[in-house]
Amino acid sequence: YLLRSGDMLWGGSSAGEFSKAINVK
């Protein structure tokens, strides 16, 4: 089983000012 957070762009839609939008797949 492998989990990946994806490429979290600083300040982008995936990881902006807060971390609630980070998508782990």
mmCIF file of all heavy atoms, coordinates in Angstrom:
data_MODEL
# 
_entry.id   MODEL 
# 
loop_
_atom_site.group_PDB 
_atom_site.id 
_atom_site.type_symbol 
_atom_site.label_atom_id 
_atom_site.label_alt_id 
_atom_site.label_comp_id 
_atom_site.label_asym_id 
_atom_site.label_entity_id 
_atom_site.label_seq_id 
_atom_site.pdbx_PDB_ins_code 
_atom_site.Cartn_x 
_atom_site.Cartn_y 
_atom_site.Cartn_z 
_atom_site.occupancy 
_atom_site.B_iso_or_equiv 
_atom_site.pdbx_formal_charge 
_atom_site.auth_seq_id 
_atom_site.auth_comp_id 
_atom_site.auth_asym_id 
_atom_site.auth_atom_id 
_atom_site.pdbx_PDB_model_num 
ATOM 1   N N   . TYR A 1 1  ? 0.852   -1.190 0.000  1.00 0.00 ? 1  TYR A N   1 
ATOM 2   C CA  . TYR A 1 1  ? 0.000   0.000  0.000  1.00 0.00 ? 1  TYR A CA  1 
ATOM 3   C C   . TYR A 1 1  ? 0.886   1.237  0.000  1.00 0.00 ? 1  TYR A C   1 
ATOM 4   O O   . TYR A 1 1  ? 1.748   1.395  0.866  1.00 0.00 ? 1  TYR A O   1 
ATOM 5   C CB  . TYR A 1 1  ? -0.905  -0.005 1.240  1.00 0.00 ? 1  TYR A CB  1 
ATOM 6   C CG  . TYR A 1 1  ? -2.042  0.993  1.175  1.00 0.00 ? 1  TYR A CG  1 
ATOM 7   C CD1 . TYR A 1 1  ? -3.064  0.836  0.242  1.00 0.00 ? 1  TYR A CD1 1 
ATOM 8   C CD2 . TYR A 1 1  ? -2.111  2.070  2.053  1.00 0.00 ? 1  TYR A CD2 1 
ATOM 9   C CE1 . TYR A 1 1  ? -4.121  1.724  0.184  1.00 0.00 ? 1  TYR A CE1 1 
ATOM 10  C CE2 . TYR A 1 1  ? -3.159  2.966  2.006  1.00 0.00 ? 1  TYR A CE2 1 
ATOM 11  C CZ  . TYR A 1 1  ? -4.162  2.795  1.069  1.00 0.00 ? 1  TYR A CZ  1 
ATOM 12  O OH  . TYR A 1 1  ? -5.203  3.685  0.996  1.00 0.00 ? 1  TYR A OH  1 
ATOM 13  N N   . LEU A 1 2  ? 0.711   2.104  -0.992 1.00 0.00 ? 2  LEU A N   1 
ATOM 14  C CA  . LEU A 1 2  ? 1.526   3.306  -1.140 1.00 0.00 ? 2  LEU A CA  1 
ATOM 15  C C   . LEU A 1 2  ? 0.634   4.538  -1.175 1.00 0.00 ? 2  LEU A C   1 
ATOM 16  O O   . LEU A 1 2  ? -0.275  4.633  -2.007 1.00 0.00 ? 2  LEU A O   1 
ATOM 17  C CB  . LEU A 1 2  ? 2.368   3.236  -2.420 1.00 0.00 ? 2  LEU A CB  1 
ATOM 18  C CG  . LEU A 1 2  ? 3.236   4.450  -2.743 1.00 0.00 ? 2  LEU A CG  1 
ATOM 19  C CD1 . LEU A 1 2  ? 4.309   4.643  -1.677 1.00 0.00 ? 2  LEU A CD1 1 
ATOM 20  C CD2 . LEU A 1 2  ? 3.889   4.310  -4.114 1.00 0.00 ? 2  LEU A CD2 1 
ATOM 21  N N   . LEU A 1 3  ? 0.898   5.488  -0.290 1.00 0.00 ? 3  LEU A N   1 
ATOM 22  C CA  . LEU A 1 3  ? 0.181   6.755  -0.243 1.00 0.00 ? 3  LEU A CA  1 
ATOM 23  C C   . LEU A 1 3  ? 1.091   7.871  -0.729 1.00 0.00 ? 3  LEU A C   1 
ATOM 24  O O   . LEU A 1 3  ? 2.285   7.884  -0.417 1.00 0.00 ? 3  LEU A O   1 
ATOM 25  C CB  . LEU A 1 3  ? -0.269  7.062  1.189  1.00 0.00 ? 3  LEU A CB  1 
ATOM 26  C CG  . LEU A 1 3  ? -1.386  6.201  1.775  1.00 0.00 ? 3  LEU A CG  1 
ATOM 27  C CD1 . LEU A 1 3  ? -1.533  6.484  3.259  1.00 0.00 ? 3  LEU A CD1 1 
ATOM 28  C CD2 . LEU A 1 3  ? -2.696  6.465  1.058  1.00 0.00 ? 3  LEU A CD2 1 
ATOM 29  N N   . ARG A 1 4  ? 0.531   8.824  -1.459 1.00 0.00 ? 4  ARG A N   1 
ATOM 30  C CA  . ARG A 1 4  ? 1.306   9.973  -1.929 1.00 0.00 ? 4  ARG A CA  1 
ATOM 31  C C   . ARG A 1 4  ? 0.481   11.237 -1.757 1.00 0.00 ? 4  ARG A C   1 
ATOM 32  O O   . ARG A 1 4  ? -0.707  11.275 -2.079 1.00 0.00 ? 4  ARG A O   1 
ATOM 33  C CB  . ARG A 1 4  ? 1.716   9.812  -3.389 1.00 0.00 ? 4  ARG A CB  1 
ATOM 34  C CG  . ARG A 1 4  ? 2.444   11.019 -3.951 1.00 0.00 ? 4  ARG A CG  1 
ATOM 35  C CD  . ARG A 1 4  ? 2.926   10.818 -5.357 1.00 0.00 ? 4  ARG A CD  1 
ATOM 36  N NE  . ARG A 1 4  ? 4.041   9.896  -5.428 1.00 0.00 ? 4  ARG A NE  1 
ATOM 37  C CZ  . ARG A 1 4  ? 4.715   9.625  -6.552 1.00 0.00 ? 4  ARG A CZ  1 
ATOM 38  N NH1 . ARG A 1 4  ? 4.353   10.205 -7.679 1.00 0.00 ? 4  ARG A NH1 1 
ATOM 39  N NH2 . ARG A 1 4  ? 5.711   8.780  -6.539 1.00 0.00 ? 4  ARG A NH2 1 
ATOM 40  N N   . SER A 1 5  ? 1.152   12.285 -1.280 1.00 0.00 ? 5  SER A N   1 
ATOM 41  C CA  . SER A 1 5  ? 0.469   13.556 -1.049 1.00 0.00 ? 5  SER A CA  1 
ATOM 42  C C   . SER A 1 5  ? 0.303   14.360 -2.327 1.00 0.00 ? 5  SER A C   1 
ATOM 43  O O   . SER A 1 5  ? -0.417  15.348 -2.342 1.00 0.00 ? 5  SER A O   1 
ATOM 44  C CB  . SER A 1 5  ? 1.259   14.392 -0.038 1.00 0.00 ? 5  SER A CB  1 
ATOM 45  O OG  . SER A 1 5  ? 2.515   14.759 -0.587 1.00 0.00 ? 5  SER A OG  1 
ATOM 46  N N   . GLY A 1 6  ? 1.008   13.964 -3.389 1.00 0.00 ? 6  GLY A N   1 
ATOM 47  C CA  . GLY A 1 6  ? 0.996   14.763 -4.606 1.00 0.00 ? 6  GLY A CA  1 
ATOM 48  C C   . GLY A 1 6  ? 2.002   15.891 -4.502 1.00 0.00 ? 6  GLY A C   1 
ATOM 49  O O   . GLY A 1 6  ? 2.678   16.072 -3.488 1.00 0.00 ? 6  GLY A O   1 
ATOM 50  N N   . ASP A 1 7  ? 2.136   16.683 -5.559 1.00 0.00 ? 7  ASP A N   1 
ATOM 51  C CA  . ASP A 1 7  ? 3.039   17.827 -5.551 1.00 0.00 ? 7  ASP A CA  1 
ATOM 52  C C   . ASP A 1 7  ? 2.310   19.020 -4.934 1.00 0.00 ? 7  ASP A C   1 
ATOM 53  O O   . ASP A 1 7  ? 1.456   19.632 -5.577 1.00 0.00 ? 7  ASP A O   1 
ATOM 54  C CB  . ASP A 1 7  ? 3.508   18.158 -6.970 1.00 0.00 ? 7  ASP A CB  1 
ATOM 55  C CG  . ASP A 1 7  ? 4.397   17.066 -7.525 1.00 0.00 ? 7  ASP A CG  1 
ATOM 56  O OD1 . ASP A 1 7  ? 5.182   16.504 -6.743 1.00 0.00 ? 7  ASP A OD1 1 
ATOM 57  O OD2 . ASP A 1 7  ? 4.299   16.776 -8.726 1.00 0.00 ? 7  ASP A OD2 1 
ATOM 58  N N   . MET A 1 8  ? 2.641   19.319 -3.682 1.00 0.00 ? 8  MET A N   1 
ATOM 59  C CA  . MET A 1 8  ? 1.963   20.400 -2.957 1.00 0.00 ? 8  MET A CA  1 
ATOM 60  C C   . MET A 1 8  ? 2.647   21.723 -3.292 1.00 0.00 ? 8  MET A C   1 
ATOM 61  O O   . MET A 1 8  ? 3.739   22.017 -2.797 1.00 0.00 ? 8  MET A O   1 
ATOM 62  C CB  . MET A 1 8  ? 2.021   20.123 -1.453 1.00 0.00 ? 8  MET A CB  1 
ATOM 63  C CG  . MET A 1 8  ? 1.338   18.836 -1.059 1.00 0.00 ? 8  MET A CG  1 
ATOM 64  S SD  . MET A 1 8  ? 1.564   18.416 0.691  1.00 0.00 ? 8  MET A SD  1 
ATOM 65  C CE  . MET A 1 8  ? 3.308   17.971 0.719  1.00 0.00 ? 8  MET A CE  1 
ATOM 66  N N   . LEU A 1 9  ? 2.018   22.491 -4.153 1.00 0.00 ? 9  LEU A N   1 
ATOM 67  C CA  . LEU A 1 9  ? 2.567   23.777 -4.577 1.00 0.00 ? 9  LEU A CA  1 
ATOM 68  C C   . LEU A 1 9  ? 2.367   24.803 -3.473 1.00 0.00 ? 9  LEU A C   1 
ATOM 69  O O   . LEU A 1 9  ? 1.238   25.065 -3.056 1.00 0.00 ? 9  LEU A O   1 
ATOM 70  C CB  . LEU A 1 9  ? 1.891   24.233 -5.868 1.00 0.00 ? 9  LEU A CB  1 
ATOM 71  C CG  . LEU A 1 9  ? 2.407   25.529 -6.492 1.00 0.00 ? 9  LEU A CG  1 
ATOM 72  C CD1 . LEU A 1 9  ? 3.856   25.352 -6.944 1.00 0.00 ? 9  LEU A CD1 1 
ATOM 73  C CD2 . LEU A 1 9  ? 1.516   25.930 -7.667 1.00 0.00 ? 9  LEU A CD2 1 
ATOM 74  N N   . TRP A 1 10 ? 3.463   25.386 -2.999 1.00 0.00 ? 10 TRP A N   1 
ATOM 75  C CA  . TRP A 1 10 ? 3.371   26.377 -1.928 1.00 0.00 ? 10 TRP A CA  1 
ATOM 76  C C   . TRP A 1 10 ? 2.576   27.581 -2.420 1.00 0.00 ? 10 TRP A C   1 
ATOM 77  O O   . TRP A 1 10 ? 2.914   28.187 -3.445 1.00 0.00 ? 10 TRP A O   1 
ATOM 78  C CB  . TRP A 1 10 ? 4.756   26.833 -1.498 1.00 0.00 ? 10 TRP A CB  1 
ATOM 79  C CG  . TRP A 1 10 ? 5.569   25.769 -0.824 1.00 0.00 ? 10 TRP A CG  1 
ATOM 80  C CD1 . TRP A 1 10 ? 5.351   24.431 -0.844 1.00 0.00 ? 10 TRP A CD1 1 
ATOM 81  C CD2 . TRP A 1 10 ? 6.754   25.961 -0.056 1.00 0.00 ? 10 TRP A CD2 1 
ATOM 82  N NE1 . TRP A 1 10 ? 6.324   23.765 -0.146 1.00 0.00 ? 10 TRP A NE1 1 
ATOM 83  C CE2 . TRP A 1 10 ? 7.205   24.687 0.359  1.00 0.00 ? 10 TRP A CE2 1 
ATOM 84  C CE3 . TRP A 1 10 ? 7.493   27.077 0.316  1.00 0.00 ? 10 TRP A CE3 1 
ATOM 85  C CZ2 . TRP A 1 10 ? 8.353   24.512 1.128  1.00 0.00 ? 10 TRP A CZ2 1 
ATOM 86  C CZ3 . TRP A 1 10 ? 8.634   26.919 1.085  1.00 0.00 ? 10 TRP A CZ3 1 
ATOM 87  C CH2 . TRP A 1 10 ? 9.052   25.639 1.490  1.00 0.00 ? 10 TRP A CH2 1 
ATOM 88  N N   . GLY A 1 11 ? 1.511   27.903 -1.730 1.00 0.00 ? 11 GLY A N   1 
ATOM 89  C CA  . GLY A 1 11 ? 0.666   29.018 -2.125 1.00 0.00 ? 11 GLY A CA  1 
ATOM 90  C C   . GLY A 1 11 ? -0.325  28.669 -3.216 1.00 0.00 ? 11 GLY A C   1 
ATOM 91  O O   . GLY A 1 11 ? -1.114  29.510 -3.629 1.00 0.00 ? 11 GLY A O   1 
ATOM 92  N N   . GLY A 1 12 ? -0.297  27.412 -3.689 1.00 0.00 ? 12 GLY A N   1 
ATOM 93  C CA  . GLY A 1 12 ? -1.216  26.997 -4.744 1.00 0.00 ? 12 GLY A CA  1 
ATOM 94  C C   . GLY A 1 12 ? -2.501  26.430 -4.177 1.00 0.00 ? 12 GLY A C   1 
ATOM 95  O O   . GLY A 1 12 ? -2.720  26.381 -2.965 1.00 0.00 ? 12 GLY A O   1 
ATOM 96  N N   . SER A 1 13 ? -3.353  25.938 -5.079 1.00 0.00 ? 13 SER A N   1 
ATOM 97  C CA  . SER A 1 13 ? -4.666  25.439 -4.663 1.00 0.00 ? 13 SER A CA  1 
ATOM 98  C C   . SER A 1 13 ? -4.556  24.167 -3.827 1.00 0.00 ? 13 SER A C   1 
ATOM 99  O O   . SER A 1 13 ? -5.424  23.878 -3.019 1.00 0.00 ? 13 SER A O   1 
ATOM 100 C CB  . SER A 1 13 ? -5.533  25.168 -5.897 1.00 0.00 ? 13 SER A CB  1 
ATOM 101 O OG  . SER A 1 13 ? -4.887  24.225 -6.740 1.00 0.00 ? 13 SER A OG  1 
ATOM 102 N N   . SER A 1 14 ? -3.464  23.400 -4.010 1.00 0.00 ? 14 SER A N   1 
ATOM 103 C CA  . SER A 1 14 ? -3.334  22.146 -3.280 1.00 0.00 ? 14 SER A CA  1 
ATOM 104 C C   . SER A 1 14 ? -2.780  22.334 -1.880 1.00 0.00 ? 14 SER A C   1 
ATOM 105 O O   . SER A 1 14 ? -2.966  21.508 -1.009 1.00 0.00 ? 14 SER A O   1 
ATOM 106 C CB  . SER A 1 14 ? -2.423  21.185 -4.052 1.00 0.00 ? 14 SER A CB  1 
ATOM 107 O OG  . SER A 1 14 ? -1.136  21.750 -4.204 1.00 0.00 ? 14 SER A OG  1 
ATOM 108 N N   . ALA A 1 15 ? -2.046  23.419 -1.635 1.00 0.00 ? 15 ALA A N   1 
ATOM 109 C CA  . ALA A 1 15 ? -1.459  23.677 -0.319 1.00 0.00 ? 15 ALA A CA  1 
ATOM 110 C C   . ALA A 1 15 ? -1.216  25.170 -0.160 1.00 0.00 ? 15 ALA A C   1 
ATOM 111 O O   . ALA A 1 15 ? -0.097  25.637 -0.176 1.00 0.00 ? 15 ALA A O   1 
ATOM 112 C CB  . ALA A 1 15 ? -0.166  22.909 -0.147 1.00 0.00 ? 15 ALA A CB  1 
ATOM 113 N N   . GLY A 1 16 ? -2.296  25.894 -0.030 1.00 0.00 ? 16 GLY A N   1 
ATOM 114 C CA  . GLY A 1 16 ? -2.186  27.336 0.059  1.00 0.00 ? 16 GLY A CA  1 
ATOM 115 C C   . GLY A 1 16 ? -1.824  27.783 1.456  1.00 0.00 ? 16 GLY A C   1 
ATOM 116 O O   . GLY A 1 16 ? -0.969  27.208 2.124  1.00 0.00 ? 16 GLY A O   1 
ATOM 117 N N   . GLU A 1 17 ? -2.512  28.806 1.927  1.00 0.00 ? 17 GLU A N   1 
ATOM 118 C CA  . GLU A 1 17 ? -2.188  29.349 3.246  1.00 0.00 ? 17 GLU A CA  1 
ATOM 119 C C   . GLU A 1 17 ? -2.471  28.334 4.344  1.00 0.00 ? 17 GLU A C   1 
ATOM 120 O O   . GLU A 1 17 ? -1.798  28.312 5.367  1.00 0.00 ? 17 GLU A O   1 
ATOM 121 C CB  . GLU A 1 17 ? -2.999  30.624 3.466  1.00 0.00 ? 17 GLU A CB  1 
ATOM 122 C CG  . GLU A 1 17 ? -2.668  31.338 4.766  1.00 0.00 ? 17 GLU A CG  1 
ATOM 123 C CD  . GLU A 1 17 ? -3.460  32.614 4.916  1.00 0.00 ? 17 GLU A CD  1 
ATOM 124 O OE1 . GLU A 1 17 ? -4.213  32.953 3.979  1.00 0.00 ? 17 GLU A OE1 1 
ATOM 125 O OE2 . GLU A 1 17 ? -3.342  33.267 5.971  1.00 0.00 ? 17 GLU A OE2 1 
ATOM 126 N N   . PHE A 1 18 ? -3.473  27.490 4.132  1.00 0.00 ? 18 PHE A N   1 
ATOM 127 C CA  . PHE A 1 18 ? -3.825  26.471 5.117  1.00 0.00 ? 18 PHE A CA  1 
ATOM 128 C C   . PHE A 1 18 ? -3.713  25.097 4.479  1.00 0.00 ? 18 PHE A C   1 
ATOM 129 O O   . PHE A 1 18 ? -3.695  24.951 3.264  1.00 0.00 ? 18 PHE A O   1 
ATOM 130 C CB  . PHE A 1 18 ? -5.244  26.708 5.640  1.00 0.00 ? 18 PHE A CB  1 
ATOM 131 C CG  . PHE A 1 18 ? -5.437  28.091 6.198  1.00 0.00 ? 18 PHE A CG  1 
ATOM 132 C CD1 . PHE A 1 18 ? -6.138  29.049 5.474  1.00 0.00 ? 18 PHE A CD1 1 
ATOM 133 C CD2 . PHE A 1 18 ? -4.897  28.434 7.420  1.00 0.00 ? 18 PHE A CD2 1 
ATOM 134 C CE1 . PHE A 1 18 ? -6.315  30.322 5.977  1.00 0.00 ? 18 PHE A CE1 1 
ATOM 135 C CE2 . PHE A 1 18 ? -5.057  29.716 7.921  1.00 0.00 ? 18 PHE A CE2 1 
ATOM 136 C CZ  . PHE A 1 18 ? -5.764  30.660 7.201  1.00 0.00 ? 18 PHE A CZ  1 
ATOM 137 N N   . SER A 1 19 ? -3.658  24.065 5.301  1.00 0.00 ? 19 SER A N   1 
ATOM 138 C CA  . SER A 1 19 ? -3.370  22.720 4.809  1.00 0.00 ? 19 SER A CA  1 
ATOM 139 C C   . SER A 1 19 ? -4.612  21.872 4.558  1.00 0.00 ? 19 SER A C   1 
ATOM 140 O O   . SER A 1 19 ? -4.496  20.708 4.179  1.00 0.00 ? 19 SER A O   1 
ATOM 141 C CB  . SER A 1 19 ? -2.469  21.989 5.819  1.00 0.00 ? 19 SER A CB  1 
ATOM 142 O OG  . SER A 1 19 ? -3.141  21.850 7.064  1.00 0.00 ? 19 SER A OG  1 
ATOM 143 N N   . LYS A 1 20 ? -5.799  22.420 4.757  1.00 0.00 ? 20 LYS A N   1 
ATOM 144 C CA  . LYS A 1 20 ? -7.003  21.603 4.616  1.00 0.00 ? 20 LYS A CA  1 
ATOM 145 C C   . LYS A 1 20 ? -7.209  21.079 3.201  1.00 0.00 ? 20 LYS A C   1 
ATOM 146 O O   . LYS A 1 20 ? -7.906  20.095 2.994  1.00 0.00 ? 20 LYS A O   1 
ATOM 147 C CB  . LYS A 1 20 ? -8.228  22.416 5.046  1.00 0.00 ? 20 LYS A CB  1 
ATOM 148 C CG  . LYS A 1 20 ? -8.253  22.767 6.517  1.00 0.00 ? 20 LYS A CG  1 
ATOM 149 C CD  . LYS A 1 20 ? -9.542  23.479 6.888  1.00 0.00 ? 20 LYS A CD  1 
ATOM 150 C CE  . LYS A 1 20 ? -9.636  24.830 6.214  1.00 0.00 ? 20 LYS A CE  1 
ATOM 151 N NZ  . LYS A 1 20 ? -10.864 25.562 6.639  1.00 0.00 ? 20 LYS A NZ  1 
ATOM 152 N N   . ALA A 1 21 ? -6.608  21.742 2.204  1.00 0.00 ? 21 ALA A N   1 
ATOM 153 C CA  . ALA A 1 21 ? -6.843  21.358 0.808  1.00 0.00 ? 21 ALA A CA  1 
ATOM 154 C C   . ALA A 1 21 ? -5.862  20.305 0.300  1.00 0.00 ? 21 ALA A C   1 
ATOM 155 O O   . ALA A 1 21 ? -5.972  19.871 -0.842 1.00 0.00 ? 21 ALA A O   1 
ATOM 156 C CB  . ALA A 1 21 ? -6.773  22.586 -0.093 1.00 0.00 ? 21 ALA A CB  1 
ATOM 157 N N   . ILE A 1 22 ? -4.893  19.898 1.124  1.00 0.00 ? 22 ILE A N   1 
ATOM 158 C CA  . ILE A 1 22 ? -3.917  18.909 0.666  1.00 0.00 ? 22 ILE A CA  1 
ATOM 159 C C   . ILE A 1 22 ? -4.604  17.577 0.421  1.00 0.00 ? 22 ILE A C   1 
ATOM 160 O O   . ILE A 1 22 ? -5.313  17.053 1.277  1.00 0.00 ? 22 ILE A O   1 
ATOM 161 C CB  . ILE A 1 22 ? -2.784  18.739 1.700  1.00 0.00 ? 22 ILE A CB  1 
ATOM 162 C CG1 . ILE A 1 22 ? -2.003  20.046 1.826  1.00 0.00 ? 22 ILE A CG1 1 
ATOM 163 C CG2 . ILE A 1 22 ? -1.856  17.611 1.293  1.00 0.00 ? 22 ILE A CG2 1 
ATOM 164 C CD1 . ILE A 1 22 ? -0.908  20.002 2.865  1.00 0.00 ? 22 ILE A CD1 1 
ATOM 165 N N   . ASN A 1 23 ? -4.377  17.025 -0.746 1.00 0.00 ? 23 ASN A N   1 
ATOM 166 C CA  . ASN A 1 23 ? -5.048  15.799 -1.154 1.00 0.00 ? 23 ASN A CA  1 
ATOM 167 C C   . ASN A 1 23 ? -4.068  14.628 -1.097 1.00 0.00 ? 23 ASN A C   1 
ATOM 168 O O   . ASN A 1 23 ? -3.064  14.605 -1.809 1.00 0.00 ? 23 ASN A O   1 
ATOM 169 C CB  . ASN A 1 23 ? -5.598  15.958 -2.575 1.00 0.00 ? 23 ASN A CB  1 
ATOM 170 C CG  . ASN A 1 23 ? -6.511  14.814 -2.961 1.00 0.00 ? 23 ASN A CG  1 
ATOM 171 O OD1 . ASN A 1 23 ? -6.875  13.989 -2.136 1.00 0.00 ? 23 ASN A OD1 1 
ATOM 172 N ND2 . ASN A 1 23 ? -6.876  14.771 -4.225 1.00 0.00 ? 23 ASN A ND2 1 
ATOM 173 N N   . VAL A 1 24 ? -4.354  13.648 -0.256 1.00 0.00 ? 24 VAL A N   1 
ATOM 174 C CA  . VAL A 1 24 ? -3.538  12.441 -0.162 1.00 0.00 ? 24 VAL A CA  1 
ATOM 175 C C   . VAL A 1 24 ? -4.230  11.334 -0.942 1.00 0.00 ? 24 VAL A C   1 
ATOM 176 O O   . VAL A 1 24 ? -5.409  11.045 -0.706 1.00 0.00 ? 24 VAL A O   1 
ATOM 177 C CB  . VAL A 1 24 ? -3.326  12.021 1.303  1.00 0.00 ? 24 VAL A CB  1 
ATOM 178 C CG1 . VAL A 1 24 ? -2.513  10.745 1.377  1.00 0.00 ? 24 VAL A CG1 1 
ATOM 179 C CG2 . VAL A 1 24 ? -2.633  13.138 2.064  1.00 0.00 ? 24 VAL A CG2 1 
ATOM 180 N N   . LYS A 1 25 ? -3.515  10.717 -1.871 1.00 0.00 ? 25 LYS A N   1 
ATOM 181 C CA  . LYS A 1 25 ? -4.114  9.722  -2.754 1.00 0.00 ? 25 LYS A CA  1 
ATOM 182 C C   . LYS A 1 25 ? -3.438  8.368  -2.605 1.00 0.00 ? 25 LYS A C   1 
ATOM 183 O O   . LYS A 1 25 ? -2.264  8.276  -2.269 1.00 0.00 ? 25 LYS A O   1 
ATOM 184 C CB  . LYS A 1 25 ? -4.007  10.172 -4.218 1.00 0.00 ? 25 LYS A CB  1 
ATOM 185 C CG  . LYS A 1 25 ? -4.795  11.431 -4.544 1.00 0.00 ? 25 LYS A CG  1 
ATOM 186 C CD  . LYS A 1 25 ? -4.690  11.775 -6.019 1.00 0.00 ? 25 LYS A CD  1 
ATOM 187 C CE  . LYS A 1 25 ? -5.504  13.007 -6.353 1.00 0.00 ? 25 LYS A CE  1 
ATOM 188 N NZ  . LYS A 1 25 ? -5.422  13.361 -7.798 1.00 0.00 ? 25 LYS A NZ  1 
# 
